Amino acid sequence: MKYLITNLLLAVGFMSYAQAEDPRRTYQTASIDGEVPVIDGRLDDPAWEQVDWAGDFIQRQPVDGAAPSQQTQFKILYDAKYLYIGIRAFDTEPDKVVRRMSRRDGFEGDFVEVNIDSYADKRTAFSFSASASGVKGEEYISNNGENWDATWDPIWYLKTSLDELGWIAEFKIPLSQLRFADKESH
């Protein structure tokens, strides 16, 4: 069974959330049928074959609306307890991917970011970031995106890897770490 995820914003480095001419895009995900993926930064588990890749981003910076210099794609799965996100950050020169280690919430180098608007209010979100070196970061976004609270430190899992196509980030986010509006269906 497939469901539409319409309130997940995916920001990858300097990529845009959606195409300018089509501001509302959707992604079709699926509840995992069978074994859950092992979070190892490889995306080679059979579970990932249950959903399609999505991408087709545009730049936000340095040139808003321009084609990206490198492509990025993602997949999303879920089960009763977790949200699983796989991100493929392509790089035509993978040896130049910047993989500096730092403390949590420190992003020196290449990174990806996922912002989840679980209230569907377009004013708040939960942000999860991953550097190519595997550094995790997260923030609670409020006040119409004006306030980013880096003191929010949920429990979640991340692994990254580098290969000949660029790099991969594999997330496992407990649904218990997110807040949802008091509705019967989400």
N, C-alpha and C. Protein backbone atom coordinates (compact mmCIF):
# COMPACT_ATOMS: atom_id res chain seq x y z
N MET A 1 0.84 -1.17 0.00
CA MET A 1 0.00 0.00 0.00
C MET A 1 0.89 1.24 0.00
N LYS A 2 0.57 2.22 -0.80
CA LYS A 2 1.37 3.43 -0.90
C LYS A 2 0.59 4.62 -0.36
N TYR A 3 1.32 5.58 0.18
CA TYR A 3 0.74 6.80 0.74
C TYR A 3 1.47 7.99 0.18
N LEU A 4 0.82 9.13 0.18
CA LEU A 4 1.47 10.36 -0.29
C LEU A 4 2.07 11.10 0.90
N ILE A 5 3.31 11.48 0.77
CA ILE A 5 3.96 12.34 1.75
C ILE A 5 4.00 13.71 1.10
N THR A 6 3.22 14.65 1.58
CA THR A 6 3.18 15.97 0.97
C THR A 6 3.80 17.03 1.85
N ASN A 7 4.10 16.71 3.09
CA ASN A 7 4.58 17.73 4.01
C ASN A 7 6.03 17.54 4.38
N LEU A 8 6.76 16.80 3.59
CA LEU A 8 8.18 16.61 3.83
C LEU A 8 8.94 17.50 2.88
N LEU A 9 9.74 18.36 3.44
CA LEU A 9 10.57 19.23 2.62
C LEU A 9 11.97 18.67 2.65
N LEU A 10 12.58 18.57 1.51
CA LEU A 10 13.93 18.04 1.44
C LEU A 10 14.85 19.12 0.90
N ALA A 11 15.80 19.53 1.71
CA ALA A 11 16.76 20.54 1.27
C ALA A 11 18.12 19.87 1.23
N VAL A 12 18.79 19.95 0.12
CA VAL A 12 20.07 19.29 -0.03
C VAL A 12 21.11 20.35 -0.37
N GLY A 13 21.95 20.65 0.63
CA GLY A 13 22.97 21.66 0.42
C GLY A 13 22.35 22.96 -0.06
N PHE A 14 22.62 23.30 -1.30
CA PHE A 14 22.09 24.54 -1.85
C PHE A 14 20.94 24.26 -2.82
N MET A 15 20.22 23.19 -2.62
CA MET A 15 19.12 22.86 -3.51
C MET A 15 17.81 23.44 -3.01
N SER A 16 16.86 23.60 -3.89
CA SER A 16 15.56 24.15 -3.55
C SER A 16 14.61 23.06 -3.10
N TYR A 17 13.55 23.47 -2.43
CA TYR A 17 12.52 22.54 -1.97
C TYR A 17 11.66 22.05 -3.12
N ALA A 18 11.41 22.89 -4.12
CA ALA A 18 10.53 22.49 -5.21
C ALA A 18 10.79 23.37 -6.43
N GLN A 19 10.37 22.91 -7.58
CA GLN A 19 10.51 23.69 -8.79
C GLN A 19 9.67 24.96 -8.70
N ALA A 20 10.17 26.08 -9.20
CA ALA A 20 9.46 27.36 -9.12
C ALA A 20 8.10 27.30 -9.82
N GLU A 21 8.02 26.63 -10.96
CA GLU A 21 6.75 26.58 -11.69
C GLU A 21 5.78 25.54 -11.13
N ASP A 22 6.22 24.68 -10.24
CA ASP A 22 5.37 23.67 -9.62
C ASP A 22 5.68 23.63 -8.11
N PRO A 23 5.16 24.61 -7.35
CA PRO A 23 5.56 24.73 -5.95
C PRO A 23 5.07 23.58 -5.06
N ARG A 24 4.05 22.85 -5.44
CA ARG A 24 3.57 21.76 -4.60
C ARG A 24 3.85 20.43 -5.30
N ARG A 25 4.85 19.73 -4.80
CA ARG A 25 5.20 18.43 -5.35
C ARG A 25 4.93 17.37 -4.30
N THR A 26 4.64 16.19 -4.74
CA THR A 26 4.38 15.10 -3.81
C THR A 26 5.33 13.95 -4.10
N TYR A 27 5.49 13.11 -3.10
CA TYR A 27 6.30 11.92 -3.24
C TYR A 27 5.49 10.75 -2.71
N GLN A 28 5.49 9.66 -3.44
CA GLN A 28 4.75 8.49 -3.01
C GLN A 28 5.69 7.53 -2.31
N THR A 29 5.39 7.22 -1.06
CA THR A 29 6.20 6.32 -0.26
C THR A 29 5.43 5.06 0.04
N ALA A 30 6.01 4.16 0.81
CA ALA A 30 5.35 2.90 1.12
C ALA A 30 5.73 2.44 2.52
N SER A 31 4.80 1.73 3.12
CA SER A 31 5.10 1.04 4.37
C SER A 31 5.97 -0.15 4.01
N ILE A 32 6.98 -0.41 4.79
CA ILE A 32 7.93 -1.48 4.47
C ILE A 32 7.25 -2.83 4.50
N ASP A 33 7.43 -3.56 3.42
CA ASP A 33 6.93 -4.93 3.30
C ASP A 33 8.14 -5.85 3.39
N GLY A 34 8.30 -6.53 4.51
CA GLY A 34 9.45 -7.40 4.70
C GLY A 34 10.45 -6.80 5.67
N GLU A 35 11.72 -7.11 5.46
CA GLU A 35 12.79 -6.66 6.36
C GLU A 35 13.04 -5.16 6.21
N VAL A 36 13.30 -4.52 7.34
CA VAL A 36 13.64 -3.09 7.31
C VAL A 36 15.08 -2.94 6.83
N PRO A 37 15.41 -1.78 6.28
CA PRO A 37 16.80 -1.60 5.82
C PRO A 37 17.77 -1.51 6.99
N VAL A 38 18.96 -2.03 6.78
CA VAL A 38 20.04 -1.88 7.75
C VAL A 38 20.64 -0.50 7.49
N ILE A 39 20.79 0.29 8.53
CA ILE A 39 21.32 1.64 8.37
C ILE A 39 22.85 1.55 8.33
N ASP A 40 23.38 1.46 7.09
CA ASP A 40 24.82 1.28 6.89
C ASP A 40 25.37 2.24 5.83
N GLY A 41 24.52 3.14 5.33
CA GLY A 41 24.98 4.11 4.34
C GLY A 41 25.16 3.55 2.95
N ARG A 42 24.53 2.41 2.65
CA ARG A 42 24.73 1.80 1.33
C ARG A 42 23.47 1.75 0.46
N LEU A 43 22.29 1.75 1.03
CA LEU A 43 21.02 1.70 0.29
C LEU A 43 20.89 0.48 -0.62
N ASP A 44 21.51 -0.63 -0.23
CA ASP A 44 21.44 -1.84 -1.05
C ASP A 44 20.47 -2.89 -0.50
N ASP A 45 19.71 -2.55 0.53
CA ASP A 45 18.74 -3.49 1.09
C ASP A 45 17.52 -3.61 0.17
N PRO A 46 16.92 -4.80 0.08
CA PRO A 46 15.73 -4.97 -0.77
C PRO A 46 14.59 -4.02 -0.44
N ALA A 47 14.48 -3.58 0.80
CA ALA A 47 13.40 -2.65 1.17
C ALA A 47 13.40 -1.39 0.32
N TRP A 48 14.58 -0.88 -0.02
CA TRP A 48 14.67 0.35 -0.81
C TRP A 48 14.11 0.19 -2.21
N GLU A 49 13.98 -1.04 -2.70
CA GLU A 49 13.42 -1.28 -4.03
C GLU A 49 11.90 -1.08 -4.06
N GLN A 50 11.27 -0.91 -2.89
CA GLN A 50 9.81 -0.76 -2.82
C GLN A 50 9.33 0.62 -3.22
N VAL A 51 10.23 1.58 -3.31
CA VAL A 51 9.85 2.96 -3.68
C VAL A 51 10.78 3.49 -4.76
N ASP A 52 10.29 4.51 -5.46
CA ASP A 52 11.06 5.13 -6.54
C ASP A 52 11.95 6.25 -6.01
N TRP A 53 12.96 6.57 -6.80
CA TRP A 53 13.79 7.73 -6.52
C TRP A 53 13.01 8.99 -6.92
N ALA A 54 13.25 10.07 -6.19
CA ALA A 54 12.71 11.38 -6.55
C ALA A 54 13.87 12.37 -6.48
N GLY A 55 13.72 13.47 -7.15
CA GLY A 55 14.78 14.48 -7.18
C GLY A 55 14.35 15.66 -8.00
N ASP A 56 15.11 15.97 -9.05
CA ASP A 56 14.80 17.07 -9.94
C ASP A 56 14.71 18.40 -9.20
N PHE A 57 15.73 18.67 -8.37
CA PHE A 57 15.78 19.90 -7.59
C PHE A 57 16.29 21.07 -8.42
N ILE A 58 16.13 22.25 -7.88
CA ILE A 58 16.74 23.46 -8.45
C ILE A 58 17.55 24.13 -7.35
N GLN A 59 18.44 25.03 -7.75
CA GLN A 59 19.27 25.75 -6.78
C GLN A 59 18.46 26.78 -6.00
N ARG A 60 18.90 27.03 -4.77
CA ARG A 60 18.45 28.18 -3.98
C ARG A 60 19.57 29.21 -3.93
N GLN A 61 20.82 28.70 -3.80
CA GLN A 61 22.00 29.56 -3.75
C GLN A 61 23.10 28.86 -4.53
N PRO A 62 23.93 29.47 -5.25
CA PRO A 62 24.04 30.92 -5.37
C PRO A 62 23.07 31.53 -6.38
N VAL A 63 22.45 30.73 -7.27
CA VAL A 63 21.56 31.28 -8.29
C VAL A 63 20.18 30.64 -8.12
N ASP A 64 19.27 31.35 -7.47
CA ASP A 64 17.93 30.83 -7.20
C ASP A 64 17.22 30.47 -8.49
N GLY A 65 16.77 29.22 -8.59
CA GLY A 65 16.03 28.75 -9.75
C GLY A 65 16.87 28.10 -10.83
N ALA A 66 18.20 28.18 -10.70
CA ALA A 66 19.08 27.57 -11.71
C ALA A 66 19.16 26.06 -11.52
N ALA A 67 19.59 25.39 -12.57
CA ALA A 67 19.82 23.94 -12.48
C ALA A 67 20.97 23.68 -11.49
N PRO A 68 20.91 22.61 -10.73
CA PRO A 68 21.99 22.32 -9.78
C PRO A 68 23.27 21.90 -10.51
N SER A 69 24.40 22.16 -9.86
CA SER A 69 25.67 21.73 -10.44
C SER A 69 25.84 20.22 -10.31
N GLN A 70 25.20 19.62 -9.31
CA GLN A 70 25.21 18.17 -9.10
C GLN A 70 23.78 17.74 -8.74
N GLN A 71 23.38 16.56 -9.18
CA GLN A 71 22.03 16.06 -8.90
C GLN A 71 21.97 15.38 -7.53
N THR A 72 20.78 15.37 -6.96
CA THR A 72 20.52 14.69 -5.68
C THR A 72 19.18 14.00 -5.79
N GLN A 73 19.09 12.78 -5.24
CA GLN A 73 17.84 12.02 -5.24
C GLN A 73 17.58 11.47 -3.85
N PHE A 74 16.32 11.11 -3.58
CA PHE A 74 15.97 10.55 -2.28
C PHE A 74 14.88 9.49 -2.41
N LYS A 75 14.78 8.67 -1.37
CA LYS A 75 13.72 7.67 -1.20
C LYS A 75 13.26 7.74 0.24
N ILE A 76 11.97 7.44 0.48
CA ILE A 76 11.42 7.45 1.83
C ILE A 76 10.59 6.20 2.04
N LEU A 77 10.79 5.54 3.17
CA LEU A 77 10.01 4.39 3.61
C LEU A 77 9.59 4.62 5.06
N TYR A 78 8.66 3.82 5.54
CA TYR A 78 8.28 3.91 6.95
C TYR A 78 7.74 2.57 7.43
N ASP A 79 7.73 2.42 8.75
CA ASP A 79 7.04 1.31 9.39
C ASP A 79 6.29 1.89 10.59
N ALA A 80 5.85 1.07 11.51
CA ALA A 80 5.06 1.55 12.64
C ALA A 80 5.85 2.45 13.58
N LYS A 81 7.18 2.37 13.57
CA LYS A 81 7.99 3.12 14.52
C LYS A 81 8.97 4.11 13.92
N TYR A 82 9.33 3.93 12.66
CA TYR A 82 10.42 4.73 12.08
C TYR A 82 10.10 5.28 10.70
N LEU A 83 10.76 6.39 10.38
CA LEU A 83 10.80 6.95 9.05
C LEU A 83 12.21 6.68 8.53
N TYR A 84 12.34 6.09 7.35
CA TYR A 84 13.63 5.77 6.74
C TYR A 84 13.81 6.66 5.51
N ILE A 85 14.94 7.35 5.43
CA ILE A 85 15.20 8.24 4.31
C ILE A 85 16.57 7.89 3.74
N GLY A 86 16.61 7.67 2.43
CA GLY A 86 17.87 7.43 1.74
C GLY A 86 18.13 8.56 0.77
N ILE A 87 19.33 9.12 0.83
CA ILE A 87 19.68 10.23 -0.05
C ILE A 87 20.93 9.88 -0.84
N ARG A 88 20.87 10.07 -2.14
CA ARG A 88 22.00 9.85 -3.04
C ARG A 88 22.43 11.24 -3.55
N ALA A 89 23.59 11.70 -3.11
CA ALA A 89 24.15 12.98 -3.54
C ALA A 89 25.21 12.69 -4.60
N PHE A 90 24.83 12.85 -5.85
CA PHE A 90 25.76 12.58 -6.94
C PHE A 90 26.87 13.63 -6.97
N ASP A 91 28.04 13.22 -7.39
CA ASP A 91 29.16 14.14 -7.56
C ASP A 91 30.05 13.60 -8.66
N THR A 92 30.25 14.40 -9.70
CA THR A 92 31.07 13.96 -10.83
C THR A 92 32.54 13.85 -10.45
N GLU A 93 32.92 14.43 -9.31
CA GLU A 93 34.29 14.33 -8.79
C GLU A 93 34.21 13.89 -7.32
N PRO A 94 33.86 12.62 -7.08
CA PRO A 94 33.65 12.18 -5.69
C PRO A 94 34.88 12.33 -4.80
N ASP A 95 36.07 12.38 -5.39
CA ASP A 95 37.28 12.57 -4.58
C ASP A 95 37.35 13.99 -4.00
N LYS A 96 36.48 14.88 -4.47
CA LYS A 96 36.45 16.25 -3.96
C LYS A 96 35.31 16.50 -2.98
N VAL A 97 34.55 15.46 -2.64
CA VAL A 97 33.51 15.60 -1.61
C VAL A 97 34.21 15.95 -0.30
N VAL A 98 33.76 17.03 0.33
CA VAL A 98 34.39 17.48 1.58
C VAL A 98 33.77 16.72 2.74
N ARG A 99 34.61 15.95 3.46
CA ARG A 99 34.15 15.07 4.54
C ARG A 99 34.86 15.41 5.85
N ARG A 100 34.74 16.63 6.31
CA ARG A 100 35.39 17.03 7.56
C ARG A 100 34.56 16.58 8.75
N MET A 101 35.23 16.03 9.74
CA MET A 101 34.57 15.65 10.98
C MET A 101 34.43 16.89 11.86
N SER A 102 33.36 16.94 12.62
CA SER A 102 33.15 18.02 13.58
C SER A 102 32.22 17.52 14.67
N ARG A 103 31.91 18.37 15.60
CA ARG A 103 30.95 18.02 16.64
C ARG A 103 29.54 18.01 16.06
N ARG A 104 28.63 17.41 16.80
CA ARG A 104 27.22 17.40 16.40
C ARG A 104 26.79 18.82 16.08
N ASP A 105 25.98 18.97 15.06
CA ASP A 105 25.45 20.26 14.59
C ASP A 105 26.51 21.13 13.91
N GLY A 106 27.69 20.59 13.62
CA GLY A 106 28.72 21.34 12.90
C GLY A 106 28.85 20.79 11.49
N PHE A 107 28.72 21.66 10.50
CA PHE A 107 28.70 21.17 9.12
C PHE A 107 29.73 21.85 8.25
N GLU A 108 30.94 21.36 8.37
CA GLU A 108 32.03 21.80 7.51
C GLU A 108 32.05 20.84 6.32
N GLY A 109 31.72 21.33 5.16
CA GLY A 109 31.76 20.46 3.99
C GLY A 109 30.39 20.13 3.45
N ASP A 110 30.33 19.05 2.67
CA ASP A 110 29.10 18.65 1.99
C ASP A 110 28.10 18.10 3.01
N PHE A 111 26.82 18.47 2.84
CA PHE A 111 25.78 17.98 3.74
C PHE A 111 24.43 17.95 3.03
N VAL A 112 23.51 17.20 3.60
CA VAL A 112 22.12 17.18 3.17
C VAL A 112 21.26 17.48 4.39
N GLU A 113 20.05 17.94 4.12
CA GLU A 113 19.14 18.33 5.21
C GLU A 113 17.72 17.94 4.84
N VAL A 114 16.98 17.40 5.80
CA VAL A 114 15.58 17.05 5.61
C VAL A 114 14.78 17.82 6.64
N ASN A 115 13.76 18.56 6.19
CA ASN A 115 12.88 19.31 7.08
C ASN A 115 11.48 18.71 7.00
N ILE A 116 10.96 18.27 8.13
CA ILE A 116 9.67 17.59 8.18
C ILE A 116 8.63 18.50 8.82
N ASP A 117 7.64 18.91 8.05
CA ASP A 117 6.54 19.74 8.53
C ASP A 117 5.41 18.80 8.96
N SER A 118 5.57 18.17 10.11
CA SER A 118 4.62 17.15 10.55
C SER A 118 3.27 17.72 10.98
N TYR A 119 3.21 19.00 11.29
CA TYR A 119 1.93 19.64 11.61
C TYR A 119 1.20 20.09 10.35
N ALA A 120 1.88 20.09 9.23
CA ALA A 120 1.33 20.54 7.94
C ALA A 120 0.83 21.97 8.03
N ASP A 121 1.55 22.80 8.79
CA ASP A 121 1.14 24.20 8.96
C ASP A 121 2.01 25.18 8.18
N LYS A 122 3.06 24.69 7.54
CA LYS A 122 4.00 25.51 6.76
C LYS A 122 4.61 26.63 7.60
N ARG A 123 4.67 26.42 8.93
CA ARG A 123 5.26 27.41 9.84
C ARG A 123 6.30 26.79 10.77
N THR A 124 6.19 25.46 10.96
CA THR A 124 7.11 24.75 11.86
C THR A 124 7.62 23.49 11.16
N ALA A 125 8.75 23.01 11.63
CA ALA A 125 9.30 21.78 11.05
C ALA A 125 10.37 21.22 11.98
N PHE A 126 10.72 19.98 11.74
CA PHE A 126 11.81 19.31 12.43
C PHE A 126 12.89 19.06 11.38
N SER A 127 14.10 19.54 11.64
CA SER A 127 15.18 19.49 10.67
C SER A 127 16.22 18.45 11.07
N PHE A 128 16.62 17.61 10.13
CA PHE A 128 17.66 16.60 10.33
C PHE A 128 18.72 16.80 9.25
N SER A 129 19.97 16.98 9.66
CA SER A 129 21.07 17.22 8.71
C SER A 129 22.13 16.14 8.85
N ALA A 130 22.80 15.87 7.75
CA ALA A 130 23.87 14.87 7.73
C ALA A 130 25.00 15.37 6.86
N SER A 131 26.21 15.37 7.41
CA SER A 131 27.37 15.73 6.58
C SER A 131 27.87 14.46 5.89
N ALA A 132 28.64 14.64 4.85
CA ALA A 132 29.21 13.50 4.13
C ALA A 132 30.09 12.65 5.03
N SER A 133 30.64 13.25 6.09
CA SER A 133 31.48 12.51 7.03
C SER A 133 30.67 11.80 8.11
N GLY A 134 29.34 12.00 8.13
CA GLY A 134 28.49 11.31 9.09
C GLY A 134 28.15 12.12 10.33
N VAL A 135 28.45 13.42 10.33
CA VAL A 135 28.08 14.27 11.46
C VAL A 135 26.57 14.55 11.38
N LYS A 136 25.90 14.38 12.53
CA LYS A 136 24.46 14.60 12.61
C LYS A 136 24.16 15.99 13.16
N GLY A 137 23.03 16.53 12.75
CA GLY A 137 22.53 17.78 13.30
C GLY A 137 21.03 17.82 13.18
N GLU A 138 20.42 18.57 14.08
CA GLU A 138 18.97 18.69 14.05
C GLU A 138 18.57 20.01 14.71
N GLU A 139 17.43 20.51 14.26
CA GLU A 139 16.90 21.76 14.80
C GLU A 139 15.38 21.71 14.73
N TYR A 140 14.75 22.40 15.68
CA TYR A 140 13.31 22.60 15.63
C TYR A 140 13.09 23.97 15.01
N ILE A 141 12.29 24.03 13.95
CA ILE A 141 12.05 25.26 13.22
C ILE A 141 10.67 25.79 13.59
N SER A 142 10.60 27.06 13.97
CA SER A 142 9.31 27.65 14.33
C SER A 142 9.26 29.10 13.84
N ASN A 143 8.16 29.79 14.19
CA ASN A 143 7.99 31.20 13.86
C ASN A 143 8.14 31.44 12.36
N ASN A 144 7.43 30.65 11.58
CA ASN A 144 7.46 30.77 10.11
C ASN A 144 8.86 30.62 9.53
N GLY A 145 9.68 29.80 10.15
CA GLY A 145 11.03 29.56 9.65
C GLY A 145 12.04 30.57 10.14
N GLU A 146 11.64 31.50 10.99
CA GLU A 146 12.55 32.52 11.50
C GLU A 146 13.39 32.03 12.68
N ASN A 147 12.91 31.02 13.41
CA ASN A 147 13.62 30.53 14.60
C ASN A 147 14.06 29.08 14.39
N TRP A 148 15.37 28.86 14.47
CA TRP A 148 15.94 27.52 14.33
C TRP A 148 16.60 27.17 15.66
N ASP A 149 15.98 26.27 16.43
CA ASP A 149 16.45 25.92 17.76
C ASP A 149 17.37 24.70 17.69
N ALA A 150 18.67 24.94 17.80
CA ALA A 150 19.67 23.87 17.71
C ALA A 150 19.82 23.10 19.01
N THR A 151 19.11 23.51 20.07
CA THR A 151 19.21 22.76 21.34
C THR A 151 18.34 21.50 21.32
N TRP A 152 17.48 21.37 20.32
CA TRP A 152 16.66 20.17 20.19
C TRP A 152 17.56 19.04 19.70
N ASP A 153 17.71 17.98 20.50
CA ASP A 153 18.59 16.86 20.16
C ASP A 153 17.85 15.53 20.26
N PRO A 154 17.06 15.19 19.26
CA PRO A 154 16.33 13.92 19.29
C PRO A 154 17.26 12.73 19.06
N ILE A 155 16.76 11.57 19.37
CA ILE A 155 17.48 10.32 19.08
C ILE A 155 17.11 9.91 17.66
N TRP A 156 18.12 9.67 16.83
CA TRP A 156 17.92 9.16 15.48
C TRP A 156 19.23 8.56 15.00
N TYR A 157 19.18 7.90 13.86
CA TYR A 157 20.32 7.12 13.39
C TYR A 157 20.72 7.56 11.98
N LEU A 158 22.03 7.53 11.73
CA LEU A 158 22.56 7.98 10.45
C LEU A 158 23.84 7.22 10.12
N LYS A 159 23.99 6.87 8.86
CA LYS A 159 25.25 6.35 8.32
C LYS A 159 25.42 6.96 6.93
N THR A 160 26.67 7.25 6.59
CA THR A 160 26.99 7.79 5.28
C THR A 160 28.11 6.96 4.65
N SER A 161 28.22 7.07 3.34
CA SER A 161 29.31 6.39 2.64
C SER A 161 29.64 7.17 1.38
N LEU A 162 30.85 6.98 0.91
CA LEU A 162 31.34 7.60 -0.32
C LEU A 162 31.57 6.50 -1.35
N ASP A 163 31.20 6.76 -2.60
CA ASP A 163 31.47 5.79 -3.66
C ASP A 163 31.79 6.52 -4.96
N GLU A 164 31.87 5.79 -6.06
CA GLU A 164 32.27 6.37 -7.34
C GLU A 164 31.22 7.31 -7.93
N LEU A 165 30.00 7.33 -7.39
CA LEU A 165 28.95 8.22 -7.89
C LEU A 165 28.77 9.48 -7.05
N GLY A 166 29.39 9.53 -5.89
CA GLY A 166 29.23 10.65 -4.96
C GLY A 166 29.16 10.11 -3.54
N TRP A 167 28.09 10.47 -2.83
CA TRP A 167 27.95 9.94 -1.47
C TRP A 167 26.49 9.68 -1.13
N ILE A 168 26.30 8.89 -0.07
CA ILE A 168 24.99 8.43 0.35
C ILE A 168 24.79 8.75 1.83
N ALA A 169 23.57 9.16 2.18
CA ALA A 169 23.18 9.32 3.58
C ALA A 169 21.94 8.47 3.81
N GLU A 170 21.94 7.68 4.86
CA GLU A 170 20.82 6.82 5.20
C GLU A 170 20.36 7.17 6.62
N PHE A 171 19.10 7.64 6.73
CA PHE A 171 18.52 8.09 7.99
C PHE A 171 17.51 7.07 8.51
N LYS A 172 17.41 6.98 9.83
CA LYS A 172 16.35 6.22 10.50
C LYS A 172 15.88 7.11 11.65
N ILE A 173 14.68 7.67 11.50
CA ILE A 173 14.15 8.64 12.45
C ILE A 173 12.96 8.03 13.19
N PRO A 174 13.05 7.87 14.51
CA PRO A 174 11.90 7.36 15.26
C PRO A 174 10.73 8.34 15.16
N LEU A 175 9.56 7.83 14.82
CA LEU A 175 8.38 8.69 14.75
C LEU A 175 8.09 9.32 16.11
N SER A 176 8.54 8.69 17.19
CA SER A 176 8.33 9.24 18.53
C SER A 176 9.09 10.55 18.75
N GLN A 177 10.07 10.85 17.91
CA GLN A 177 10.84 12.08 18.04
C GLN A 177 10.19 13.25 17.32
N LEU A 178 9.13 12.97 16.56
CA LEU A 178 8.41 14.01 15.84
C LEU A 178 7.09 14.28 16.55
N ARG A 179 6.53 15.43 16.33
CA ARG A 179 5.21 15.77 16.88
C ARG A 179 4.27 15.91 15.71
N PHE A 180 3.03 15.50 15.94
CA PHE A 180 2.01 15.56 14.89
C PHE A 180 0.77 16.26 15.43
N ALA A 181 0.02 16.88 14.52
CA ALA A 181 -1.25 17.52 14.90
C ALA A 181 -2.20 16.44 15.40
N ASP A 182 -3.13 16.83 16.24
CA ASP A 182 -4.11 15.91 16.80
C ASP A 182 -5.22 15.65 15.77
N LYS A 183 -4.90 14.76 14.82
CA LYS A 183 -5.85 14.40 13.75
C LYS A 183 -5.93 12.88 13.68
N GLU A 184 -7.05 12.41 13.16
CA GLU A 184 -7.24 10.97 13.04
C GLU A 184 -6.34 10.37 11.97
N SER A 185 -6.09 11.11 10.89
CA SER A 185 -5.30 10.62 9.78
C SER A 185 -4.22 11.64 9.42
N HIS A 186 -3.03 11.16 9.08
CA HIS A 186 -1.94 12.04 8.67
C HIS A 186 -1.44 11.64 7.31
